[in-house]
Amino acid sequence: MNTPSKFTNEQREELIQRWKSSVKSKKQFADENGIKYMTFIDWVRKRQRKKSLETPSEQFIPLEIPTYNSFAELHVSGRKIIFHQPVSAEYLKIILR
């Protein structure tokens, strides 16, 4: 393949797709297609960065924060202490001092 001095974006994309569907290494594919290896690496990296910027939501795992009902409420001297899980009697003794 004769290498033009510049490839269009479409040509770069087509070459990257051909490489991805092949079983060849980047080096082997670049050599066989008359592309400098580091140039091909640069194309692949730029494409990966572009794709990650276009679809950032795919990189995140949704976080679900459960709503907790209170386990118990303690009213002391006009203040309310809410417990969201069981606590030991020793802990209660400490906070009631």
PDB file of N, CA and C in Angstrom:
ATOM      1  N   MET A   1       0.849  -1.175   0.000  1.00  0.00           N
ATOM      2  CA  MET A   1       0.000   0.000   0.000  1.00  0.00           C
ATOM      3  C   MET A   1       0.889   1.230   0.000  1.00  0.00           C
ATOM      4  N   ASN A   2       0.676   2.124  -0.946  1.00  0.00           N
ATOM      5  CA  ASN A   2       1.439   3.359  -0.971  1.00  0.00           C
ATOM      6  C   ASN A   2       0.919   4.262   0.128  1.00  0.00           C
ATOM      7  N   THR A   3       1.828   4.824   0.888  1.00  0.00           N
ATOM      8  CA  THR A   3       1.430   5.651   2.006  1.00  0.00           C
ATOM      9  C   THR A   3       1.334   7.101   1.580  1.00  0.00           C
ATOM     10  N   PRO A   4       0.140   7.669   1.591  1.00  0.00           N
ATOM     11  CA  PRO A   4       0.047   9.097   1.305  1.00  0.00           C
ATOM     12  C   PRO A   4       0.674   9.875   2.457  1.00  0.00           C
ATOM     13  N   SER A   5       1.039  11.118   2.175  1.00  0.00           N
ATOM     14  CA  SER A   5       1.696  11.891   3.225  1.00  0.00           C
ATOM     15  C   SER A   5       0.745  12.145   4.396  1.00  0.00           C
ATOM     16  N   LYS A   6      -0.529  12.194   4.132  1.00  0.00           N
ATOM     17  CA  LYS A   6      -1.511  12.379   5.198  1.00  0.00           C
ATOM     18  C   LYS A   6      -2.678  11.435   4.960  1.00  0.00           C
ATOM     19  N   PHE A   7      -3.202  10.907   6.025  1.00  0.00           N
ATOM     20  CA  PHE A   7      -4.389  10.073   5.956  1.00  0.00           C
ATOM     21  C   PHE A   7      -5.571  10.905   6.429  1.00  0.00           C
ATOM     22  N   THR A   8      -6.705  10.678   5.817  1.00  0.00           N
ATOM     23  CA  THR A   8      -7.915  11.344   6.300  1.00  0.00           C
ATOM     24  C   THR A   8      -8.367  10.635   7.577  1.00  0.00           C
ATOM     25  N   ASN A   9      -9.231  11.282   8.314  1.00  0.00           N
ATOM     26  CA  ASN A   9      -9.771  10.663   9.530  1.00  0.00           C
ATOM     27  C   ASN A   9     -10.484   9.360   9.201  1.00  0.00           C
ATOM     28  N   GLU A  10     -11.187   9.340   8.074  1.00  0.00           N
ATOM     29  CA  GLU A  10     -11.902   8.137   7.668  1.00  0.00           C
ATOM     30  C   GLU A  10     -10.929   6.996   7.374  1.00  0.00           C
ATOM     31  N   GLN A  11      -9.820   7.319   6.704  1.00  0.00           N
ATOM     32  CA  GLN A  11      -8.820   6.300   6.400  1.00  0.00           C
ATOM     33  C   GLN A  11      -8.174   5.763   7.678  1.00  0.00           C
ATOM     34  N   ARG A  12      -7.894   6.660   8.611  1.00  0.00           N
ATOM     35  CA  ARG A  12      -7.314   6.232   9.888  1.00  0.00           C
ATOM     36  C   ARG A  12      -8.277   5.304  10.621  1.00  0.00           C
ATOM     37  N   GLU A  13      -9.531   5.703  10.663  1.00  0.00           N
ATOM     38  CA  GLU A  13     -10.540   4.896  11.344  1.00  0.00           C
ATOM     39  C   GLU A  13     -10.666   3.527  10.690  1.00  0.00           C
ATOM     40  N   GLU A  14     -10.660   3.508   9.356  1.00  0.00           N
ATOM     41  CA  GLU A  14     -10.764   2.244   8.635  1.00  0.00           C
ATOM     42  C   GLU A  14      -9.562   1.342   8.941  1.00  0.00           C
ATOM     43  N   LEU A  15      -8.375   1.926   8.965  1.00  0.00           N
ATOM     44  CA  LEU A  15      -7.177   1.135   9.264  1.00  0.00           C
ATOM     45  C   LEU A  15      -7.214   0.594  10.696  1.00  0.00           C
ATOM     46  N   ILE A  16      -7.654   1.420  11.624  1.00  0.00           N
ATOM     47  CA  ILE A  16      -7.743   0.962  13.020  1.00  0.00           C
ATOM     48  C   ILE A  16      -8.753  -0.179  13.127  1.00  0.00           C
ATOM     49  N   GLN A  17      -9.883  -0.041  12.443  1.00  0.00           N
ATOM     50  CA  GLN A  17     -10.894  -1.107  12.466  1.00  0.00           C
ATOM     51  C   GLN A  17     -10.354  -2.393  11.850  1.00  0.00           C
ATOM     52  N   ARG A  18      -9.613  -2.260  10.763  1.00  0.00           N
ATOM     53  CA  ARG A  18      -9.013  -3.441  10.142  1.00  0.00           C
ATOM     54  C   ARG A  18      -8.022  -4.103  11.083  1.00  0.00           C
ATOM     55  N   TRP A  19      -7.222  -3.284  11.767  1.00  0.00           N
ATOM     56  CA  TRP A  19      -6.267  -3.844  12.738  1.00  0.00           C
ATOM     57  C   TRP A  19      -7.005  -4.565  13.862  1.00  0.00           C
ATOM     58  N   LYS A  20      -8.068  -3.933  14.394  1.00  0.00           N
ATOM     59  CA  LYS A  20      -8.813  -4.541  15.505  1.00  0.00           C
ATOM     60  C   LYS A  20      -9.436  -5.874  15.112  1.00  0.00           C
ATOM     61  N   SER A  21      -9.835  -6.002  13.859  1.00  0.00           N
ATOM     62  CA  SER A  21     -10.455  -7.260  13.445  1.00  0.00           C
ATOM     63  C   SER A  21      -9.418  -8.295  13.007  1.00  0.00           C
ATOM     64  N   SER A  22      -8.160  -7.870  12.956  1.00  0.00           N
ATOM     65  CA  SER A  22      -7.096  -8.822  12.617  1.00  0.00           C
ATOM     66  C   SER A  22      -6.546  -9.446  13.891  1.00  0.00           C
ATOM     67  N   VAL A  23      -5.652 -10.373  13.719  1.00  0.00           N
ATOM     68  CA  VAL A  23      -4.997 -10.984  14.889  1.00  0.00           C
ATOM     69  C   VAL A  23      -3.550 -10.496  14.993  1.00  0.00           C
ATOM     70  N   LYS A  24      -3.268  -9.415  14.296  1.00  0.00           N
ATOM     71  CA  LYS A  24      -1.899  -8.912  14.223  1.00  0.00           C
ATOM     72  C   LYS A  24      -1.622  -7.904  15.329  1.00  0.00           C
ATOM     73  N   SER A  25      -0.340  -7.831  15.665  1.00  0.00           N
ATOM     74  CA  SER A  25       0.073  -6.803  16.623  1.00  0.00           C
ATOM     75  C   SER A  25       0.028  -5.445  15.922  1.00  0.00           C
ATOM     76  N   LYS A  26       0.053  -4.386  16.688  1.00  0.00           N
ATOM     77  CA  LYS A  26       0.073  -3.049  16.093  1.00  0.00           C
ATOM     78  C   LYS A  26       1.298  -2.892  15.207  1.00  0.00           C
ATOM     79  N   LYS A  27       2.435  -3.348  15.699  1.00  0.00           N
ATOM     80  CA  LYS A  27       3.691  -3.245  14.944  1.00  0.00           C
ATOM     81  C   LYS A  27       3.585  -3.982  13.612  1.00  0.00           C
ATOM     82  N   GLN A  28       3.125  -5.205  13.666  1.00  0.00           N
ATOM     83  CA  GLN A  28       3.011  -6.017  12.451  1.00  0.00           C
ATOM     84  C   GLN A  28       2.034  -5.370  11.463  1.00  0.00           C
ATOM     85  N   PHE A  29       0.889  -4.922  11.973  1.00  0.00           N
ATOM     86  CA  PHE A  29      -0.106  -4.302  11.094  1.00  0.00           C
ATOM     87  C   PHE A  29       0.438  -3.031  10.457  1.00  0.00           C
ATOM     88  N   ALA A  30       1.086  -2.188  11.272  1.00  0.00           N
ATOM     89  CA  ALA A  30       1.644  -0.938  10.752  1.00  0.00           C
ATOM     90  C   ALA A  30       2.694  -1.225   9.677  1.00  0.00           C
ATOM     91  N   ASP A  31       3.596  -2.152   9.954  1.00  0.00           N
ATOM     92  CA  ASP A  31       4.641  -2.491   8.976  1.00  0.00           C
ATOM     93  C   ASP A  31       4.046  -2.985   7.666  1.00  0.00           C
ATOM     94  N   GLU A  32       3.050  -3.855   7.770  1.00  0.00           N
ATOM     95  CA  GLU A  32       2.440  -4.434   6.574  1.00  0.00           C
ATOM     96  C   GLU A  32       1.646  -3.417   5.754  1.00  0.00           C
ATOM     97  N   ASN A  33       1.248  -2.321   6.403  1.00  0.00           N
ATOM     98  CA  ASN A  33       0.447  -1.317   5.710  1.00  0.00           C
ATOM     99  C   ASN A  33       1.215  -0.032   5.430  1.00  0.00           C
ATOM    100  N   GLY A  34       2.540  -0.094   5.619  1.00  0.00           N
ATOM    101  CA  GLY A  34       3.383   1.052   5.294  1.00  0.00           C
ATOM    102  C   GLY A  34       3.171   2.259   6.167  1.00  0.00           C
ATOM    103  N   ILE A  35       2.826   2.020   7.416  1.00  0.00           N
ATOM    104  CA  ILE A  35       2.604   3.108   8.371  1.00  0.00           C
ATOM    105  C   ILE A  35       3.707   3.028   9.416  1.00  0.00           C
ATOM    106  N   LYS A  36       4.243   4.189   9.780  1.00  0.00           N
ATOM    107  CA  LYS A  36       5.239   4.180  10.853  1.00  0.00           C
ATOM    108  C   LYS A  36       4.551   3.687  12.129  1.00  0.00           C
ATOM    109  N   TYR A  37       5.248   2.829  12.853  1.00  0.00           N
ATOM    110  CA  TYR A  37       4.673   2.211  14.053  1.00  0.00           C
ATOM    111  C   TYR A  37       4.210   3.260  15.063  1.00  0.00           C
ATOM    112  N   MET A  38       5.051   4.240  15.364  1.00  0.00           N
ATOM    113  CA  MET A  38       4.685   5.243  16.367  1.00  0.00           C
ATOM    114  C   MET A  38       3.524   6.120  15.879  1.00  0.00           C
ATOM    115  N   THR A  39       3.428   6.315  14.583  1.00  0.00           N
ATOM    116  CA  THR A  39       2.281   7.054  14.034  1.00  0.00           C
ATOM    117  C   THR A  39       0.997   6.262  14.273  1.00  0.00           C
ATOM    118  N   PHE A  40       1.051   4.966  14.016  1.00  0.00           N
ATOM    119  CA  PHE A  40      -0.122   4.121  14.220  1.00  0.00           C
ATOM    120  C   PHE A  40      -0.510   4.086  15.702  1.00  0.00           C
ATOM    121  N   ILE A  41       0.492   3.966  16.570  1.00  0.00           N
ATOM    122  CA  ILE A  41       0.233   3.996  18.022  1.00  0.00           C
ATOM    123  C   ILE A  41      -0.473   5.293  18.393  1.00  0.00           C
ATOM    124  N   ASP A  42      -0.008   6.400  17.844  1.00  0.00           N
ATOM    125  CA  ASP A  42      -0.606   7.697  18.125  1.00  0.00           C
ATOM    126  C   ASP A  42      -2.063   7.743  17.674  1.00  0.00           C
ATOM    127  N   TRP A  43      -2.360   7.195  16.496  1.00  0.00           N
ATOM    128  CA  TRP A  43      -3.741   7.147  16.011  1.00  0.00           C
ATOM    129  C   TRP A  43      -4.635   6.380  16.977  1.00  0.00           C
ATOM    130  N   VAL A  44      -4.150   5.218  17.410  1.00  0.00           N
ATOM    131  CA  VAL A  44      -4.949   4.368  18.295  1.00  0.00           C
ATOM    132  C   VAL A  44      -5.183   5.081  19.628  1.00  0.00           C
ATOM    133  N   ARG A  45      -4.148   5.689  20.175  1.00  0.00           N
ATOM    134  CA  ARG A  45      -4.302   6.398  21.460  1.00  0.00           C
ATOM    135  C   ARG A  45      -5.264   7.568  21.348  1.00  0.00           C
ATOM    136  N   LYS A  46      -5.128   8.349  20.290  1.00  0.00           N
ATOM    137  CA  LYS A  46      -6.031   9.495  20.103  1.00  0.00           C
ATOM    138  C   LYS A  46      -7.476   9.022  19.964  1.00  0.00           C
ATOM    139  N   ARG A  47      -7.669   7.924  19.250  1.00  0.00           N
ATOM    140  CA  ARG A  47      -9.016   7.376  19.081  1.00  0.00           C
ATOM    141  C   ARG A  47      -9.585   6.924  20.427  1.00  0.00           C
ATOM    142  N   GLN A  48      -8.742   6.268  21.240  1.00  0.00           N
ATOM    143  CA  GLN A  48      -9.206   5.814  22.552  1.00  0.00           C
ATOM    144  C   GLN A  48      -9.566   6.999  23.437  1.00  0.00           C
ATOM    145  N   ARG A  49      -8.735   8.055  23.426  1.00  0.00           N
ATOM    146  CA  ARG A  49      -9.034   9.250  24.221  1.00  0.00           C
ATOM    147  C   ARG A  49     -10.324   9.894  23.762  1.00  0.00           C
ATOM    148  N   LYS A  50     -10.489  10.006  22.440  1.00  0.00           N
ATOM    149  CA  LYS A  50     -11.700  10.615  21.890  1.00  0.00           C
ATOM    150  C   LYS A  50     -12.929   9.814  22.302  1.00  0.00           C
ATOM    151  N   LYS A  51     -12.850   8.502  22.189  1.00  0.00           N
ATOM    152  CA  LYS A  51     -13.986   7.648  22.557  1.00  0.00           C
ATOM    153  C   LYS A  51     -14.310   7.796  24.039  1.00  0.00           C
ATOM    154  N   SER A  52     -13.279   7.884  24.879  1.00  0.00           N
ATOM    155  CA  SER A  52     -13.540   7.986  26.318  1.00  0.00           C
ATOM    156  C   SER A  52     -14.153   9.330  26.671  1.00  0.00           C
ATOM    157  N   LEU A  53     -13.827  10.384  25.929  1.00  0.00           N
ATOM    158  CA  LEU A  53     -14.427  11.690  26.177  1.00  0.00           C
ATOM    159  C   LEU A  53     -15.864  11.757  25.672  1.00  0.00           C
ATOM    160  N   GLU A  54     -16.153  11.007  24.611  1.00  0.00           N
ATOM    161  CA  GLU A  54     -17.497  11.016  24.051  1.00  0.00           C
ATOM    162  C   GLU A  54     -18.485  10.257  24.917  1.00  0.00           C
ATOM    163  N   THR A  55     -18.034   9.216  25.603  1.00  0.00           N
ATOM    164  CA  THR A  55     -18.948   8.384  26.382  1.00  0.00           C
ATOM    165  C   THR A  55     -18.419   8.179  27.797  1.00  0.00           C
ATOM    166  N   PRO A  56     -18.303   9.265  28.566  1.00  0.00           N
ATOM    167  CA  PRO A  56     -17.765   9.101  29.917  1.00  0.00           C
ATOM    168  C   PRO A  56     -18.670   8.295  30.833  1.00  0.00           C
ATOM    169  N   SER A  57     -19.964   8.270  30.556  1.00  0.00           N
ATOM    170  CA  SER A  57     -20.873   7.552  31.447  1.00  0.00           C
ATOM    171  C   SER A  57     -20.612   6.052  31.447  1.00  0.00           C
ATOM    172  N   GLU A  58     -20.041   5.530  30.365  1.00  0.00           N
ATOM    173  CA  GLU A  58     -19.760   4.104  30.314  1.00  0.00           C
ATOM    174  C   GLU A  58     -18.604   3.721  31.233  1.00  0.00           C
ATOM    175  N   GLN A  59     -17.844   4.705  31.670  1.00  0.00           N
ATOM    176  CA  GLN A  59     -16.699   4.425  32.522  1.00  0.00           C
ATOM    177  C   GLN A  59     -17.082   4.406  33.999  1.00  0.00           C
ATOM    178  N   PHE A  60     -18.259   4.863  34.319  1.00  0.00           N
ATOM    179  CA  PHE A  60     -18.670   4.961  35.708  1.00  0.00           C
ATOM    180  C   PHE A  60     -19.693   3.892  36.053  1.00  0.00           C
ATOM    181  N   ILE A  61     -19.608   3.426  37.249  1.00  0.00           N
ATOM    182  CA  ILE A  61     -20.577   2.469  37.756  1.00  0.00           C
ATOM    183  C   ILE A  61     -21.578   3.266  38.586  1.00  0.00           C
ATOM    184  N   PRO A  62     -22.853   3.147  38.310  1.00  0.00           N
ATOM    185  CA  PRO A  62     -23.830   3.901  39.089  1.00  0.00           C
ATOM    186  C   PRO A  62     -23.748   3.529  40.566  1.00  0.00           C
ATOM    187  N   LEU A  63     -23.809   4.519  41.391  1.00  0.00           N
ATOM    188  CA  LEU A  63     -23.751   4.318  42.829  1.00  0.00           C
ATOM    189  C   LEU A  63     -25.158   4.437  43.385  1.00  0.00           C
ATOM    190  N   GLU A  64     -25.571   3.406  44.053  1.00  0.00           N
ATOM    191  CA  GLU A  64     -26.885   3.432  44.671  1.00  0.00           C
ATOM    192  C   GLU A  64     -26.700   3.545  46.176  1.00  0.00           C
ATOM    193  N   ILE A  65     -27.222   4.620  46.720  1.00  0.00           N
ATOM    194  CA  ILE A  65     -27.122   4.842  48.158  1.00  0.00           C
ATOM    195  C   ILE A  65     -28.477   4.498  48.759  1.00  0.00           C
ATOM    196  N   PRO A  66     -28.488   3.455  49.562  1.00  0.00           N
ATOM    197  CA  PRO A  66     -29.781   3.066  50.145  1.00  0.00           C
ATOM    198  C   PRO A  66     -30.251   4.106  51.160  1.00  0.00           C
ATOM    199  N   THR A  67     -31.536   4.259  51.239  1.00  0.00           N
ATOM    200  CA  THR A  67     -32.082   5.142  52.262  1.00  0.00           C
ATOM    201  C   THR A  67     -32.270   4.316  53.526  1.00  0.00           C
ATOM    202  N   TYR A  68     -31.793   4.844  54.594  1.00  0.00           N
ATOM    203  CA  TYR A  68     -31.869   4.117  55.860  1.00  0.00           C
ATOM    204  C   TYR A  68     -33.005   4.666  56.705  1.00  0.00           C
ATOM    205  N   ASN A  69     -33.741   3.760  57.226  1.00  0.00           N
ATOM    206  CA  ASN A  69     -34.700   4.142  58.255  1.00  0.00           C
ATOM    207  C   ASN A  69     -33.947   4.071  59.569  1.00  0.00           C
ATOM    208  N   SER A  70     -34.365   4.895  60.487  1.00  0.00           N
ATOM    209  CA  SER A  70     -33.647   4.866  61.757  1.00  0.00           C
ATOM    210  C   SER A  70     -33.982   3.586  62.515  1.00  0.00           C
ATOM    211  N   PHE A  71     -32.988   3.054  63.176  1.00  0.00           N
ATOM    212  CA  PHE A  71     -33.150   1.858  63.979  1.00  0.00           C
ATOM    213  C   PHE A  71     -33.787   2.234  65.312  1.00  0.00           C
ATOM    214  N   ALA A  72     -33.294   3.338  65.864  1.00  0.00           N
ATOM    215  CA  ALA A  72     -33.833   3.797  67.155  1.00  0.00           C
ATOM    216  C   ALA A  72     -33.540   5.280  67.312  1.00  0.00           C
ATOM    217  N   GLU A  73     -34.375   5.936  68.096  1.00  0.00           N
ATOM    218  CA  GLU A  73     -34.155   7.338  68.432  1.00  0.00           C
ATOM    219  C   GLU A  73     -34.095   7.459  69.939  1.00  0.00           C
ATOM    220  N   LEU A  74     -33.177   8.285  70.395  1.00  0.00           N
ATOM    221  CA  LEU A  74     -33.005   8.500  71.828  1.00  0.00           C
ATOM    222  C   LEU A  74     -33.122   9.996  72.077  1.00  0.00           C
ATOM    223  N   HIS A  75     -34.029  10.380  72.980  1.00  0.00           N
ATOM    224  CA  HIS A  75     -34.225  11.792  73.306  1.00  0.00           C
ATOM    225  C   HIS A  75     -33.629  12.045  74.683  1.00  0.00           C
ATOM    226  N   VAL A  76     -32.612  12.911  74.711  1.00  0.00           N
ATOM    227  CA  VAL A  76     -31.918  13.208  75.964  1.00  0.00           C
ATOM    228  C   VAL A  76     -31.742  14.713  76.076  1.00  0.00           C
ATOM    229  N   SER A  77     -32.218  15.292  77.147  1.00  0.00           N
ATOM    230  CA  SER A  77     -32.061  16.728  77.431  1.00  0.00           C
ATOM    231  C   SER A  77     -32.453  17.595  76.238  1.00  0.00           C
ATOM    232  N   GLY A  78     -33.549  17.272  75.620  1.00  0.00           N
ATOM    233  CA  GLY A  78     -34.054  18.072  74.517  1.00  0.00           C
ATOM    234  C   GLY A  78     -33.334  17.829  73.187  1.00  0.00           C
ATOM    235  N   ARG A  79     -32.435  16.865  73.157  1.00  0.00           N
ATOM    236  CA  ARG A  79     -31.724  16.540  71.915  1.00  0.00           C
ATOM    237  C   ARG A  79     -32.117  15.152  71.442  1.00  0.00           C
ATOM    238  N   LYS A  80     -32.068  14.969  70.170  1.00  0.00           N
ATOM    239  CA  LYS A  80     -32.446  13.686  69.599  1.00  0.00           C
ATOM    240  C   LYS A  80     -31.202  13.027  68.996  1.00  0.00           C
ATOM    241  N   ILE A  81     -30.970  11.773  69.358  1.00  0.00           N
ATOM    242  CA  ILE A  81     -29.884  10.977  68.784  1.00  0.00           C
ATOM    243  C   ILE A  81     -30.540   9.866  67.985  1.00  0.00           C
ATOM    244  N   ILE A  82     -30.169   9.783  66.722  1.00  0.00           N
ATOM    245  CA  ILE A  82     -30.749   8.764  65.849  1.00  0.00           C
ATOM    246  C   ILE A  82     -29.702   7.688  65.587  1.00  0.00           C
ATOM    247  N   PHE A  83     -30.084   6.458  65.820  1.00  0.00           N
ATOM    248  CA  PHE A  83     -29.214   5.317  65.546  1.00  0.00           C
ATOM    249  C   PHE A  83     -29.727   4.617  64.294  1.00  0.00           C
ATOM    250  N   HIS A  84     -28.822   4.352  63.376  1.00  0.00           N
ATOM    251  CA  HIS A  84     -29.198   3.688  62.130  1.00  0.00           C
ATOM    252  C   HIS A  84     -28.888   2.198  62.165  1.00  0.00           C
ATOM    253  N   GLN A  85     -28.313   1.767  63.251  1.00  0.00           N
ATOM    254  CA  GLN A  85     -28.011   0.347  63.423  1.00  0.00           C
ATOM    255  C   GLN A  85     -27.955   0.062  64.922  1.00  0.00           C
ATOM    256  N   PRO A  86     -28.029  -1.181  65.290  1.00  0.00           N
ATOM    257  CA  PRO A  86     -27.974  -1.513  66.716  1.00  0.00           C
ATOM    258  C   PRO A  86     -26.636  -1.089  67.328  1.00  0.00           C
ATOM    259  N   VAL A  87     -26.703  -0.663  68.577  1.00  0.00           N
ATOM    260  CA  VAL A  87     -25.483  -0.306  69.323  1.00  0.00           C
ATOM    261  C   VAL A  87     -25.486  -1.077  70.636  1.00  0.00           C
ATOM    262  N   SER A  88     -24.310  -1.229  71.205  1.00  0.00           N
ATOM    263  CA  SER A  88     -24.195  -1.987  72.449  1.00  0.00           C
ATOM    264  C   SER A  88     -24.611  -1.131  73.646  1.00  0.00           C
ATOM    265  N   ALA A  89     -24.930  -1.806  74.717  1.00  0.00           N
ATOM    266  CA  ALA A  89     -25.277  -1.116  75.958  1.00  0.00           C
ATOM    267  C   ALA A  89     -24.086  -0.294  76.451  1.00  0.00           C
ATOM    268  N   GLU A  90     -22.884  -0.797  76.269  1.00  0.00           N
ATOM    269  CA  GLU A  90     -21.677  -0.064  76.684  1.00  0.00           C
ATOM    270  C   GLU A  90     -21.573   1.265  75.941  1.00  0.00           C
ATOM    271  N   TYR A  91     -21.881   1.251  74.655  1.00  0.00           N
ATOM    272  CA  TYR A  91     -21.826   2.470  73.860  1.00  0.00           C
ATOM    273  C   TYR A  91     -22.857   3.469  74.386  1.00  0.00           C
ATOM    274  N   LEU A  92     -24.055   2.993  74.686  1.00  0.00           N
ATOM    275  CA  LEU A  92     -25.091   3.876  75.220  1.00  0.00           C
ATOM    276  C   LEU A  92     -24.660   4.506  76.539  1.00  0.00           C
ATOM    277  N   LYS A  93     -24.040   3.712  77.406  1.00  0.00           N
ATOM    278  CA  LYS A  93     -23.543   4.234  78.688  1.00  0.00           C
ATOM    279  C   LYS A  93     -22.549   5.368  78.467  1.00  0.00           C
ATOM    280  N   ILE A  94     -21.680   5.200  77.481  1.00  0.00           N
ATOM    281  CA  ILE A  94     -20.652   6.213  77.218  1.00  0.00           C
ATOM    282  C   ILE A  94     -21.279   7.518  76.734  1.00  0.00           C
ATOM    283  N   ILE A  95     -22.220   7.435  75.802  1.00  0.00           N
ATOM    284  CA  ILE A  95     -22.778   8.681  75.260  1.00  0.00           C
ATOM    285  C   ILE A  95     -23.760   9.344  76.215  1.00  0.00           C
ATOM    286  N   LEU A  96     -24.263   8.634  77.204  1.00  0.00           N
ATOM    287  CA  LEU A  96     -25.207   9.222  78.141  1.00  0.00           C
ATOM    288  C   LEU A  96     -24.529   9.841  79.355  1.00  0.00           C
ATOM    289  N   ARG A  97     -23.241   9.749  79.453  1.00  0.00           N
ATOM    290  CA  ARG A  97     -22.524  10.354  80.602  1.00  0.00           C
ATOM    291  C   ARG A  97     -22.643  11.827  80.624  1.00  0.00           C
TER     292      ARG A  97
END
